[in-house]
């Protein structure tokens, strides 16, 4: 073989990546897929356990049993229970963000887009299945908001950001404050209904929408 000893040969290359590196990438890709599935199972298990316990903080042992995984698998991904709960909260918010964006895209008028945003938030307390899942997570959210303050602020900013464009189109003179006011009022209303285990009526939601829009129009 040219070049002498095998140790001095150059690995085959394809598109600038050695075959050895490609083998490593394939191995890591396989692990990444398996680990992503484990995380998904742990998140779903955490929600299921909290729902059955009425929102009480779950035990790690109950979560791993529900997921059909081991403690080793749990701690491979999370430093502790609170980090999993924070991941559950973040996962739920991202799913809600996608839903709100989809609903708002159905409307052209900015006031109708804001109405869709408010209705989408309140649906978390109106729909029975969504309410149980949301209640289970929010009962643990206050403590998590302190421990994961940066992540919480980022989630809130993303939720409020959906209101920026329609508020601007409506001529709000202070978009950031209006978005913050609507966010706080609607989230507080939704949480209040969850805690009281009372579904908001259509009239409740319509009044909330009208109140928020009237506040923007009076600016």
N, C-alpha and C. Protein backbone atom coordinates (compact mmCIF):
# COMPACT_ATOMS: atom_id res chain seq x y z
N UNK A 1 0.86 -1.18 0.00
CA UNK A 1 0.00 0.00 0.00
C UNK A 1 0.90 1.23 0.00
N UNK A 2 0.63 2.23 -0.89
CA UNK A 2 1.47 3.41 -0.95
C UNK A 2 1.47 4.14 0.39
N UNK A 3 2.64 4.65 0.74
CA UNK A 3 2.76 5.43 1.97
C UNK A 3 3.24 4.59 3.13
N UNK A 4 3.39 3.25 2.94
CA UNK A 4 3.96 2.45 4.02
C UNK A 4 2.90 1.91 4.95
N UNK A 5 3.09 2.13 6.28
CA UNK A 5 2.26 1.52 7.30
C UNK A 5 0.81 1.98 7.19
N UNK A 6 -0.10 1.06 7.64
CA UNK A 6 -1.52 1.35 7.56
C UNK A 6 -1.86 2.60 8.38
N UNK A 7 -1.16 2.79 9.50
CA UNK A 7 -1.44 3.93 10.37
C UNK A 7 -1.20 5.25 9.71
N UNK A 8 -0.47 5.25 8.61
CA UNK A 8 -0.18 6.52 7.93
C UNK A 8 -1.12 6.80 6.78
N UNK A 9 -2.06 5.87 6.51
CA UNK A 9 -2.96 6.08 5.38
C UNK A 9 -3.99 7.13 5.74
N UNK A 10 -4.56 7.79 4.73
CA UNK A 10 -5.56 8.84 4.92
C UNK A 10 -6.95 8.24 4.74
N UNK A 11 -7.88 8.40 5.69
CA UNK A 11 -9.21 7.85 5.57
C UNK A 11 -9.91 8.36 4.32
N UNK A 12 -10.74 7.52 3.72
CA UNK A 12 -11.49 7.93 2.54
C UNK A 12 -12.37 9.13 2.88
N UNK A 13 -12.53 10.03 1.90
CA UNK A 13 -13.29 11.25 2.13
C UNK A 13 -14.46 11.32 1.17
N UNK A 14 -15.55 11.86 1.63
CA UNK A 14 -16.69 12.12 0.76
C UNK A 14 -17.29 13.44 1.20
N UNK A 15 -17.29 14.41 0.28
CA UNK A 15 -17.77 15.75 0.60
C UNK A 15 -17.02 16.35 1.78
N UNK A 16 -15.74 16.02 1.90
CA UNK A 16 -14.92 16.60 2.95
C UNK A 16 -15.07 15.94 4.30
N UNK A 17 -15.87 14.89 4.43
CA UNK A 17 -16.08 14.21 5.71
C UNK A 17 -15.51 12.80 5.61
N UNK A 18 -14.68 12.44 6.58
CA UNK A 18 -14.07 11.11 6.54
C UNK A 18 -15.11 10.04 6.83
N UNK A 19 -14.83 8.83 6.38
CA UNK A 19 -15.74 7.72 6.64
C UNK A 19 -15.85 7.45 8.14
N UNK A 20 -14.74 7.67 8.86
CA UNK A 20 -14.77 7.48 10.30
C UNK A 20 -15.73 8.47 10.96
N UNK A 21 -15.68 9.71 10.52
CA UNK A 21 -16.58 10.72 11.08
C UNK A 21 -18.03 10.42 10.71
N UNK A 22 -18.25 9.91 9.50
CA UNK A 22 -19.60 9.56 9.09
C UNK A 22 -20.15 8.42 9.94
N UNK A 23 -19.30 7.49 10.30
CA UNK A 23 -19.73 6.38 11.16
C UNK A 23 -20.15 6.90 12.53
N UNK A 24 -19.37 7.87 13.05
CA UNK A 24 -19.70 8.47 14.34
C UNK A 24 -21.03 9.21 14.25
N UNK A 25 -21.23 9.94 13.16
CA UNK A 25 -22.47 10.69 12.98
C UNK A 25 -23.68 9.77 12.94
N UNK A 26 -23.54 8.61 12.27
CA UNK A 26 -24.64 7.65 12.21
C UNK A 26 -24.97 7.11 13.60
N UNK A 27 -23.93 6.83 14.37
CA UNK A 27 -24.14 6.32 15.73
C UNK A 27 -24.85 7.36 16.59
N UNK A 28 -24.37 8.61 16.51
CA UNK A 28 -24.99 9.68 17.30
C UNK A 28 -26.42 9.94 16.87
N UNK A 29 -26.68 9.87 15.57
CA UNK A 29 -28.04 10.09 15.07
C UNK A 29 -28.98 9.04 15.62
N UNK A 30 -28.51 7.80 15.68
CA UNK A 30 -29.33 6.73 16.23
C UNK A 30 -29.64 6.95 17.70
N UNK A 31 -28.62 7.38 18.45
CA UNK A 31 -28.83 7.65 19.88
C UNK A 31 -29.75 8.85 20.08
N UNK A 32 -29.58 9.87 19.24
CA UNK A 32 -30.40 11.07 19.37
C UNK A 32 -31.87 10.74 19.19
N UNK A 33 -32.17 9.89 18.22
CA UNK A 33 -33.55 9.49 17.98
C UNK A 33 -34.11 8.73 19.18
N UNK A 34 -33.31 7.81 19.72
CA UNK A 34 -33.74 7.02 20.88
C UNK A 34 -33.92 7.91 22.10
N UNK A 35 -33.00 8.86 22.31
CA UNK A 35 -33.09 9.74 23.46
C UNK A 35 -34.28 10.70 23.34
N UNK A 36 -34.55 11.16 22.12
CA UNK A 36 -35.70 12.04 21.91
C UNK A 36 -36.99 11.30 22.26
N UNK A 37 -37.05 10.03 21.92
CA UNK A 37 -38.23 9.22 22.25
C UNK A 37 -38.36 9.06 23.77
N UNK A 38 -37.23 8.86 24.46
CA UNK A 38 -37.26 8.74 25.92
C UNK A 38 -37.79 10.02 26.56
N UNK A 39 -37.30 11.16 26.09
CA UNK A 39 -37.74 12.45 26.64
C UNK A 39 -39.24 12.64 26.42
N UNK A 40 -39.72 12.29 25.23
CA UNK A 40 -41.14 12.41 24.93
C UNK A 40 -41.97 11.54 25.87
N UNK A 41 -41.50 10.33 26.12
CA UNK A 41 -42.22 9.41 27.01
C UNK A 41 -42.24 9.94 28.44
N UNK A 42 -41.14 10.54 28.88
CA UNK A 42 -41.08 11.09 30.22
C UNK A 42 -42.00 12.31 30.37
N UNK A 43 -42.05 13.15 29.36
CA UNK A 43 -42.94 14.31 29.39
C UNK A 43 -44.40 13.86 29.45
N UNK A 44 -44.77 12.94 28.57
CA UNK A 44 -46.15 12.43 28.55
C UNK A 44 -46.50 11.73 29.87
N UNK A 45 -45.54 11.00 30.40
CA UNK A 45 -45.77 10.30 31.67
C UNK A 45 -45.94 11.29 32.82
N UNK A 46 -45.14 12.34 32.83
CA UNK A 46 -45.26 13.35 33.88
C UNK A 46 -46.63 14.00 33.88
N UNK A 47 -47.15 14.31 32.69
CA UNK A 47 -48.48 14.91 32.58
C UNK A 47 -49.54 13.93 33.08
N UNK A 48 -49.43 12.67 32.66
CA UNK A 48 -50.42 11.66 33.05
C UNK A 48 -50.45 11.46 34.56
N UNK A 49 -49.27 11.41 35.18
CA UNK A 49 -49.19 11.20 36.63
C UNK A 49 -49.79 12.40 37.37
N UNK A 50 -49.49 13.63 36.91
CA UNK A 50 -50.03 14.82 37.57
C UNK A 50 -51.54 14.90 37.42
N UNK A 51 -52.06 14.50 36.27
CA UNK A 51 -53.50 14.52 36.07
C UNK A 51 -54.20 13.58 37.05
N UNK A 52 -53.64 12.39 37.23
CA UNK A 52 -54.25 11.43 38.15
C UNK A 52 -54.15 11.90 39.60
N UNK A 53 -53.10 12.66 39.90
CA UNK A 53 -52.89 13.14 41.28
C UNK A 53 -53.54 14.49 41.52
N UNK A 54 -54.32 14.96 40.55
CA UNK A 54 -54.99 16.24 40.71
C UNK A 54 -54.06 17.43 40.66
N UNK A 55 -52.92 17.27 40.00
CA UNK A 55 -51.98 18.37 39.86
C UNK A 55 -50.88 18.40 40.89
N UNK A 56 -50.91 17.48 41.86
CA UNK A 56 -49.86 17.43 42.87
C UNK A 56 -48.51 17.13 42.23
N UNK A 57 -47.45 17.64 42.85
CA UNK A 57 -46.11 17.40 42.32
C UNK A 57 -45.81 15.90 42.30
N UNK A 58 -45.46 15.34 41.15
CA UNK A 58 -45.28 13.89 41.04
C UNK A 58 -43.93 13.43 41.58
N UNK A 59 -43.82 12.13 41.87
CA UNK A 59 -42.54 11.55 42.27
C UNK A 59 -41.85 10.99 41.04
N UNK A 60 -40.53 11.06 41.05
CA UNK A 60 -39.75 10.54 39.92
C UNK A 60 -40.06 9.06 39.70
N UNK A 61 -40.19 8.30 40.77
CA UNK A 61 -40.46 6.87 40.64
C UNK A 61 -41.76 6.61 39.92
N UNK A 62 -42.79 7.44 40.19
CA UNK A 62 -44.07 7.27 39.51
C UNK A 62 -43.97 7.62 38.03
N UNK A 63 -43.15 8.62 37.73
CA UNK A 63 -43.00 9.05 36.34
C UNK A 63 -42.29 7.98 35.52
N UNK A 64 -41.19 7.44 36.03
CA UNK A 64 -40.44 6.44 35.27
C UNK A 64 -41.26 5.15 35.13
N UNK A 65 -42.06 4.82 36.15
CA UNK A 65 -42.92 3.65 36.04
C UNK A 65 -43.96 3.85 34.94
N UNK A 66 -44.55 5.04 34.92
CA UNK A 66 -45.55 5.37 33.90
C UNK A 66 -44.94 5.33 32.49
N UNK A 67 -43.70 5.82 32.38
CA UNK A 67 -43.02 5.86 31.08
C UNK A 67 -42.46 4.51 30.67
N UNK A 68 -42.35 3.58 31.63
CA UNK A 68 -41.74 2.29 31.33
C UNK A 68 -40.24 2.39 31.14
N UNK A 69 -39.62 3.34 31.86
CA UNK A 69 -38.19 3.57 31.74
C UNK A 69 -37.54 3.39 33.12
N UNK A 70 -36.24 3.59 33.17
CA UNK A 70 -35.49 3.43 34.42
C UNK A 70 -35.10 4.79 34.98
N UNK A 71 -34.68 4.78 36.25
CA UNK A 71 -34.14 6.01 36.84
C UNK A 71 -32.93 6.50 36.06
N UNK A 72 -32.13 5.56 35.57
CA UNK A 72 -30.95 5.93 34.78
C UNK A 72 -31.36 6.72 33.54
N UNK A 73 -32.42 6.27 32.89
CA UNK A 73 -32.91 6.98 31.70
C UNK A 73 -33.40 8.38 32.08
N UNK A 74 -34.09 8.48 33.21
CA UNK A 74 -34.59 9.79 33.65
C UNK A 74 -33.44 10.76 33.86
N UNK A 75 -32.44 10.34 34.64
CA UNK A 75 -31.34 11.25 34.99
C UNK A 75 -30.34 11.43 33.84
N UNK A 76 -30.49 10.65 32.79
CA UNK A 76 -29.68 10.89 31.60
C UNK A 76 -30.12 12.20 30.93
N UNK A 77 -31.39 12.55 31.11
CA UNK A 77 -31.93 13.71 30.42
C UNK A 77 -32.24 14.89 31.35
N UNK A 78 -32.56 14.60 32.61
CA UNK A 78 -32.97 15.67 33.52
C UNK A 78 -32.20 15.58 34.83
N UNK A 79 -31.81 16.76 35.35
CA UNK A 79 -31.07 16.79 36.61
C UNK A 79 -31.96 16.49 37.81
N UNK A 80 -33.25 16.67 37.63
CA UNK A 80 -34.18 16.39 38.71
C UNK A 80 -35.61 16.58 38.25
N UNK A 81 -36.54 16.37 39.16
CA UNK A 81 -37.97 16.44 38.84
C UNK A 81 -38.37 17.82 38.33
N UNK A 82 -37.85 18.87 38.97
CA UNK A 82 -38.24 20.22 38.57
C UNK A 82 -37.84 20.53 37.14
N UNK A 83 -36.71 20.01 36.71
CA UNK A 83 -36.30 20.26 35.32
C UNK A 83 -37.24 19.57 34.35
N UNK A 84 -37.72 18.39 34.70
CA UNK A 84 -38.72 17.72 33.85
C UNK A 84 -40.01 18.53 33.83
N UNK A 85 -40.45 19.02 34.99
CA UNK A 85 -41.67 19.81 35.05
C UNK A 85 -41.53 21.09 34.21
N UNK A 86 -40.34 21.69 34.24
CA UNK A 86 -40.10 22.88 33.42
C UNK A 86 -40.16 22.52 31.94
N UNK A 87 -39.66 21.34 31.58
CA UNK A 87 -39.71 20.88 30.20
C UNK A 87 -41.16 20.64 29.77
N UNK A 88 -41.97 20.10 30.68
CA UNK A 88 -43.38 19.88 30.40
C UNK A 88 -44.09 21.21 30.15
N UNK A 89 -43.80 22.20 31.00
CA UNK A 89 -44.39 23.52 30.85
C UNK A 89 -43.97 24.15 29.53
N UNK A 90 -42.70 24.06 29.20
CA UNK A 90 -42.19 24.63 27.95
C UNK A 90 -42.81 23.92 26.74
N UNK A 91 -42.92 22.60 26.82
CA UNK A 91 -43.51 21.83 25.72
C UNK A 91 -44.95 22.25 25.49
N UNK A 92 -45.70 22.43 26.58
CA UNK A 92 -47.09 22.85 26.46
C UNK A 92 -47.23 24.24 25.86
N UNK A 93 -46.35 25.15 26.26
CA UNK A 93 -46.40 26.51 25.74
C UNK A 93 -46.07 26.56 24.25
N UNK A 94 -45.12 25.74 23.83
CA UNK A 94 -44.77 25.72 22.42
C UNK A 94 -45.90 25.14 21.58
N UNK A 95 -46.57 24.13 22.10
CA UNK A 95 -47.73 23.57 21.40
C UNK A 95 -48.84 24.62 21.31
N UNK A 96 -49.05 25.35 22.41
CA UNK A 96 -50.06 26.40 22.41
C UNK A 96 -49.70 27.52 21.44
N UNK A 97 -48.43 27.87 21.38
CA UNK A 97 -47.98 28.90 20.43
C UNK A 97 -48.32 28.52 19.00
N UNK A 98 -48.05 27.28 18.63
CA UNK A 98 -48.34 26.81 17.28
C UNK A 98 -49.84 26.87 17.01
N UNK A 99 -50.63 26.48 17.99
CA UNK A 99 -52.09 26.50 17.84
C UNK A 99 -52.59 27.93 17.66
N UNK A 100 -52.10 28.86 18.50
CA UNK A 100 -52.53 30.25 18.41
C UNK A 100 -52.15 30.86 17.07
N UNK A 101 -50.93 30.59 16.63
CA UNK A 101 -50.47 31.12 15.35
C UNK A 101 -51.33 30.61 14.20
N UNK A 102 -51.70 29.34 14.27
CA UNK A 102 -52.55 28.75 13.23
C UNK A 102 -53.93 29.40 13.22
N UNK A 103 -54.50 29.60 14.41
CA UNK A 103 -55.83 30.21 14.50
C UNK A 103 -55.81 31.67 14.04
N UNK A 104 -54.78 32.40 14.43
CA UNK A 104 -54.70 33.81 14.06
C UNK A 104 -54.50 33.99 12.56
N UNK A 105 -53.83 33.03 11.93
CA UNK A 105 -53.57 33.11 10.48
C UNK A 105 -54.85 32.99 9.67
N UNK A 106 -55.92 32.52 10.28
CA UNK A 106 -57.19 32.38 9.58
C UNK A 106 -57.89 33.72 9.37
N UNK A 107 -57.44 34.74 10.08
CA UNK A 107 -58.09 36.04 10.05
C UNK A 107 -57.21 37.09 9.36
N UNK A 108 -57.86 38.05 8.75
CA UNK A 108 -57.14 39.15 8.12
C UNK A 108 -57.20 40.42 8.97
N UNK A 109 -58.33 40.66 9.59
CA UNK A 109 -58.47 41.86 10.41
C UNK A 109 -57.71 41.71 11.71
N UNK A 110 -56.99 42.74 12.15
CA UNK A 110 -56.19 42.64 13.38
C UNK A 110 -57.03 42.39 14.62
N UNK A 111 -58.23 42.99 14.70
CA UNK A 111 -59.06 42.76 15.87
C UNK A 111 -59.52 41.30 15.94
N UNK A 112 -59.78 40.70 14.77
CA UNK A 112 -60.18 39.29 14.72
C UNK A 112 -59.02 38.39 15.12
N UNK A 113 -57.78 38.79 14.77
CA UNK A 113 -56.61 38.01 15.15
C UNK A 113 -56.43 38.02 16.67
N UNK A 114 -56.64 39.20 17.27
CA UNK A 114 -56.54 39.28 18.73
C UNK A 114 -57.65 38.46 19.38
N UNK A 115 -58.84 38.49 18.79
CA UNK A 115 -59.94 37.67 19.32
C UNK A 115 -59.57 36.20 19.29
N UNK A 116 -58.97 35.74 18.19
CA UNK A 116 -58.54 34.34 18.08
C UNK A 116 -57.50 34.01 19.15
N UNK A 117 -56.60 34.93 19.42
CA UNK A 117 -55.56 34.71 20.44
C UNK A 117 -56.21 34.50 21.81
N UNK A 118 -57.14 35.39 22.15
CA UNK A 118 -57.81 35.31 23.44
C UNK A 118 -58.63 34.03 23.54
N UNK A 119 -59.37 33.71 22.50
CA UNK A 119 -60.19 32.49 22.51
C UNK A 119 -59.32 31.24 22.62
N UNK A 120 -58.16 31.28 21.97
CA UNK A 120 -57.26 30.13 22.03
C UNK A 120 -56.70 29.90 23.43
N UNK A 121 -56.39 31.01 24.12
CA UNK A 121 -55.92 30.89 25.51
C UNK A 121 -57.04 30.35 26.40
N UNK A 122 -58.22 30.92 26.27
CA UNK A 122 -59.33 30.52 27.13
C UNK A 122 -59.79 29.09 26.83
N UNK A 123 -59.50 28.59 25.65
CA UNK A 123 -59.86 27.21 25.32
C UNK A 123 -59.14 26.22 26.22
N UNK A 124 -58.03 26.65 26.82
CA UNK A 124 -57.30 25.78 27.73
C UNK A 124 -58.11 25.51 29.00
N UNK A 125 -59.10 26.36 29.27
CA UNK A 125 -59.98 26.15 30.41
C UNK A 125 -61.37 25.70 29.98
N UNK A 126 -61.69 25.91 28.70
CA UNK A 126 -63.02 25.54 28.19
C UNK A 126 -63.10 24.07 27.83
N UNK A 127 -62.08 23.58 27.11
CA UNK A 127 -62.04 22.19 26.70
C UNK A 127 -61.65 21.31 27.90
N UNK A 128 -62.45 20.30 28.18
CA UNK A 128 -62.25 19.48 29.39
C UNK A 128 -60.89 18.81 29.41
N UNK A 129 -60.50 18.19 28.30
CA UNK A 129 -59.22 17.48 28.25
C UNK A 129 -58.06 18.45 28.40
N UNK A 130 -58.13 19.58 27.68
CA UNK A 130 -57.06 20.58 27.77
C UNK A 130 -56.99 21.16 29.17
N UNK A 131 -58.15 21.35 29.81
CA UNK A 131 -58.18 21.94 31.14
C UNK A 131 -57.48 21.06 32.16
N UNK A 132 -57.70 19.76 32.09
CA UNK A 132 -57.06 18.86 33.05
C UNK A 132 -55.54 18.88 32.90
N UNK A 133 -55.08 18.86 31.65
CA UNK A 133 -53.64 18.88 31.41
C UNK A 133 -53.03 20.22 31.84
N UNK A 134 -53.71 21.32 31.50
CA UNK A 134 -53.19 22.64 31.83
C UNK A 134 -53.19 22.86 33.34
N UNK A 135 -54.25 22.43 34.02
CA UNK A 135 -54.33 22.59 35.47
C UNK A 135 -53.18 21.85 36.15
N UNK A 136 -52.91 20.64 35.68
CA UNK A 136 -51.85 19.82 36.28
C UNK A 136 -50.50 20.52 36.20
N UNK A 137 -50.25 21.18 35.09
CA UNK A 137 -48.96 21.85 34.90
C UNK A 137 -48.89 23.17 35.65
N UNK A 138 -49.96 23.97 35.56
CA UNK A 138 -49.93 25.30 36.17
C UNK A 138 -49.87 25.24 37.70
N UNK A 139 -50.36 24.16 38.30
CA UNK A 139 -50.29 24.04 39.75
C UNK A 139 -48.84 23.99 40.24
N UNK A 140 -47.93 23.63 39.34
CA UNK A 140 -46.51 23.56 39.71
C UNK A 140 -45.70 24.71 39.11
N UNK A 141 -46.39 25.62 38.40
CA UNK A 141 -45.66 26.61 37.62
C UNK A 141 -45.04 27.73 38.46
N UNK A 142 -45.68 28.14 39.56
CA UNK A 142 -45.14 29.27 40.34
C UNK A 142 -43.73 28.98 40.85
N UNK A 143 -43.54 27.79 41.41
CA UNK A 143 -42.22 27.42 41.91
C UNK A 143 -41.22 27.32 40.76
N UNK A 144 -41.65 26.80 39.63
CA UNK A 144 -40.77 26.64 38.49
C UNK A 144 -40.39 27.99 37.89
N UNK A 145 -41.32 28.95 37.95
CA UNK A 145 -41.05 30.28 37.39
C UNK A 145 -39.88 30.96 38.09
N UNK A 146 -39.69 30.65 39.37
CA UNK A 146 -38.57 31.22 40.10
C UNK A 146 -37.26 30.52 39.75
N UNK A 147 -37.31 29.20 39.69
CA UNK A 147 -36.09 28.43 39.42
C UNK A 147 -35.62 28.57 37.98
N UNK A 148 -36.58 28.70 37.07
CA UNK A 148 -36.25 28.82 35.65
C UNK A 148 -36.76 30.16 35.13
N UNK A 149 -36.32 31.22 35.79
CA UNK A 149 -36.82 32.57 35.50
C UNK A 149 -36.54 33.00 34.06
N UNK A 150 -35.35 32.73 33.56
CA UNK A 150 -35.00 33.16 32.20
C UNK A 150 -35.87 32.45 31.17
N UNK A 151 -36.07 31.15 31.36
CA UNK A 151 -36.90 30.39 30.43
C UNK A 151 -38.35 30.85 30.49
N UNK A 152 -38.81 31.18 31.68
CA UNK A 152 -40.19 31.66 31.84
C UNK A 152 -40.40 32.98 31.13
N UNK A 153 -39.45 33.90 31.29
CA UNK A 153 -39.55 35.21 30.62
C UNK A 153 -39.57 35.04 29.11
N UNK A 154 -38.74 34.13 28.62
CA UNK A 154 -38.68 33.91 27.18
C UNK A 154 -40.01 33.36 26.65
N UNK A 155 -40.61 32.45 27.38
CA UNK A 155 -41.90 31.90 26.96
C UNK A 155 -42.97 32.98 26.94
N UNK A 156 -42.97 33.83 27.97
CA UNK A 156 -43.95 34.91 28.02
C UNK A 156 -43.75 35.89 26.87
N UNK A 157 -42.51 36.19 26.55
CA UNK A 157 -42.22 37.09 25.44
C UNK A 157 -42.72 36.52 24.12
N UNK A 158 -42.55 35.21 23.93
CA UNK A 158 -43.01 34.58 22.70
C UNK A 158 -44.53 34.64 22.59
N UNK A 159 -45.22 34.42 23.71
CA UNK A 159 -46.68 34.49 23.70
C UNK A 159 -47.15 35.91 23.37
N UNK A 160 -46.53 36.89 24.00
CA UNK A 160 -46.93 38.29 23.76
C UNK A 160 -46.58 38.73 22.35
N UNK A 161 -45.52 38.17 21.79
CA UNK A 161 -45.07 38.60 20.46
C UNK A 161 -46.13 38.36 19.38
N UNK A 162 -47.00 37.39 19.60
CA UNK A 162 -48.07 37.13 18.63
C UNK A 162 -49.06 38.29 18.55
N UNK A 163 -49.09 39.11 19.59
CA UNK A 163 -50.03 40.24 19.62
C UNK A 163 -49.46 41.50 19.00
N UNK A 164 -48.16 41.54 18.80
CA UNK A 164 -47.50 42.78 18.37
C UNK A 164 -48.02 43.25 17.01
N UNK A 165 -48.05 42.39 16.03
CA UNK A 165 -48.46 42.80 14.68
C UNK A 165 -49.91 43.29 14.64
N UNK A 166 -50.89 42.54 15.18
CA UNK A 166 -52.26 43.05 15.13
C UNK A 166 -52.46 44.32 15.95
N UNK A 167 -51.76 44.45 17.09
CA UNK A 167 -51.88 45.68 17.87
C UNK A 167 -51.32 46.87 17.10
N UNK A 168 -50.21 46.65 16.42
CA UNK A 168 -49.62 47.71 15.59
C UNK A 168 -50.58 48.13 14.49
N UNK A 169 -51.20 47.13 13.85
CA UNK A 169 -52.14 47.40 12.76
C UNK A 169 -53.37 48.15 13.26
N UNK A 170 -53.74 47.95 14.54
CA UNK A 170 -54.89 48.65 15.11
C UNK A 170 -54.54 50.07 15.55
N UNK A 171 -53.25 50.42 15.45
CA UNK A 171 -52.83 51.77 15.79
C UNK A 171 -52.54 52.00 17.25
N UNK A 172 -52.21 50.92 17.97
CA UNK A 172 -51.87 51.08 19.38
C UNK A 172 -50.65 51.98 19.53
N UNK A 173 -50.73 53.01 20.39
CA UNK A 173 -49.60 53.90 20.60
C UNK A 173 -48.52 53.31 21.50
N UNK A 174 -48.85 52.24 22.19
CA UNK A 174 -47.90 51.59 23.09
C UNK A 174 -48.11 50.08 23.01
N UNK A 175 -47.57 49.49 21.95
CA UNK A 175 -47.82 48.09 21.64
C UNK A 175 -47.36 47.17 22.76
N UNK A 176 -46.17 47.42 23.29
CA UNK A 176 -45.62 46.54 24.32
C UNK A 176 -46.49 46.52 25.57
N UNK A 177 -46.93 47.70 26.03
CA UNK A 177 -47.77 47.75 27.22
C UNK A 177 -49.14 47.13 26.97
N UNK A 178 -49.69 47.38 25.79
CA UNK A 178 -50.99 46.79 25.47
C UNK A 178 -50.89 45.27 25.40
N UNK A 179 -49.83 44.76 24.79
CA UNK A 179 -49.63 43.31 24.70
C UNK A 179 -49.47 42.71 26.09
N UNK A 180 -48.73 43.40 26.95
CA UNK A 180 -48.53 42.92 28.32
C UNK A 180 -49.84 42.92 29.10
N UNK A 181 -50.65 43.97 28.94
CA UNK A 181 -51.92 44.06 29.66
C UNK A 181 -52.88 42.95 29.22
N UNK A 182 -52.97 42.73 27.93
CA UNK A 182 -53.85 41.68 27.42
C UNK A 182 -53.37 40.31 27.88
N UNK A 183 -52.07 40.10 27.80
CA UNK A 183 -51.49 38.82 28.22
C UNK A 183 -51.81 38.54 29.68
N UNK A 184 -51.56 39.50 30.55
CA UNK A 184 -51.77 39.29 31.98
C UNK A 184 -53.24 39.08 32.31
N UNK A 185 -54.11 39.86 31.69
CA UNK A 185 -55.54 39.75 31.98
C UNK A 185 -56.09 38.40 31.52
N UNK A 186 -55.75 38.00 30.31
CA UNK A 186 -56.30 36.76 29.76
C UNK A 186 -55.73 35.53 30.48
N UNK A 187 -54.41 35.54 30.74
CA UNK A 187 -53.82 34.40 31.45
C UNK A 187 -54.38 34.29 32.86
N UNK A 188 -54.57 35.42 33.53
CA UNK A 188 -55.12 35.39 34.88
C UNK A 188 -56.54 34.86 34.87
N UNK A 189 -57.33 35.26 33.88
CA UNK A 189 -58.70 34.78 33.77
C UNK A 189 -58.74 33.28 33.51
N UNK A 190 -57.88 32.80 32.62
CA UNK A 190 -57.82 31.38 32.32
C UNK A 190 -57.42 30.58 33.55
N UNK A 191 -56.39 31.03 34.26
CA UNK A 191 -55.93 30.34 35.46
C UNK A 191 -56.99 30.33 36.55
N UNK A 192 -57.73 31.43 36.68
CA UNK A 192 -58.78 31.50 37.69
C UNK A 192 -59.85 30.45 37.43
N UNK A 193 -60.25 30.29 36.19
CA UNK A 193 -61.24 29.27 35.85
C UNK A 193 -60.70 27.86 36.10
N UNK A 194 -59.41 27.67 35.81
CA UNK A 194 -58.81 26.36 36.06
C UNK A 194 -58.81 26.02 37.54
N UNK A 195 -58.40 26.97 38.37
CA UNK A 195 -58.32 26.72 39.80
C UNK A 195 -59.70 26.45 40.39
N UNK A 196 -60.72 27.17 39.88
CA UNK A 196 -62.07 26.97 40.39
C UNK A 196 -62.77 25.80 39.71
N UNK A 197 -62.08 25.17 38.76
CA UNK A 197 -62.66 24.06 37.99
C UNK A 197 -64.01 24.46 37.39
N UNK A 198 -64.01 25.63 36.81
CA UNK A 198 -65.22 26.17 36.20
C UNK A 198 -64.93 26.58 34.76
N UNK A 199 -65.67 26.00 33.85
CA UNK A 199 -65.45 26.34 32.44
C UNK A 199 -66.00 27.73 32.14
N UNK A 200 -65.23 28.56 31.45
CA UNK A 200 -65.77 29.86 31.05
C UNK A 200 -66.83 29.67 29.97
N UNK A 201 -67.91 30.42 30.07
CA UNK A 201 -68.98 30.34 29.07
C UNK A 201 -68.60 31.15 27.83
N UNK A 202 -69.36 30.98 26.78
CA UNK A 202 -69.12 31.79 25.58
C UNK A 202 -69.27 33.27 25.90
N UNK A 203 -70.24 33.58 26.75
CA UNK A 203 -70.44 34.98 27.13
C UNK A 203 -69.24 35.52 27.91
N UNK A 204 -68.64 34.67 28.76
CA UNK A 204 -67.44 35.08 29.52
C UNK A 204 -66.31 35.44 28.56
N UNK A 205 -66.09 34.56 27.59
CA UNK A 205 -64.99 34.77 26.64
C UNK A 205 -65.28 35.99 25.76
N UNK A 206 -66.53 36.12 25.30
CA UNK A 206 -66.89 37.26 24.45
C UNK A 206 -66.70 38.58 25.20
N UNK A 207 -67.05 38.60 26.49
CA UNK A 207 -66.87 39.81 27.29
C UNK A 207 -65.40 40.15 27.43
N UNK A 208 -64.58 39.13 27.65
CA UNK A 208 -63.14 39.34 27.79
C UNK A 208 -62.55 39.90 26.51
N UNK A 209 -62.97 39.33 25.37
CA UNK A 209 -62.50 39.83 24.07
C UNK A 209 -62.90 41.29 23.89
N UNK A 210 -64.18 41.59 24.14
CA UNK A 210 -64.66 42.96 23.97
C UNK A 210 -63.95 43.94 24.88
N UNK A 211 -63.68 43.53 26.12
CA UNK A 211 -62.99 44.40 27.07
C UNK A 211 -61.58 44.72 26.59
N UNK A 212 -60.86 43.71 26.13
CA UNK A 212 -59.47 43.91 25.66
C UNK A 212 -59.43 44.79 24.43
N UNK A 213 -60.32 44.53 23.48
CA UNK A 213 -60.33 45.32 22.24
C UNK A 213 -60.74 46.75 22.51
N UNK A 214 -61.69 46.94 23.44
CA UNK A 214 -62.10 48.30 23.78
C UNK A 214 -60.95 49.09 24.39
N UNK A 215 -60.12 48.41 25.19
CA UNK A 215 -58.98 49.07 25.79
C UNK A 215 -57.98 49.54 24.76
N UNK A 216 -57.79 48.72 23.71
CA UNK A 216 -56.86 49.10 22.65
C UNK A 216 -57.41 50.27 21.86
N UNK A 217 -58.70 50.22 21.55
CA UNK A 217 -59.31 51.27 20.72
C UNK A 217 -59.37 52.61 21.42
N UNK A 218 -59.36 52.61 22.76
CA UNK A 218 -59.41 53.87 23.52
C UNK A 218 -58.04 54.51 23.68
N UNK A 219 -56.96 53.76 23.35
CA UNK A 219 -55.61 54.31 23.52
C UNK A 219 -55.41 55.57 22.67
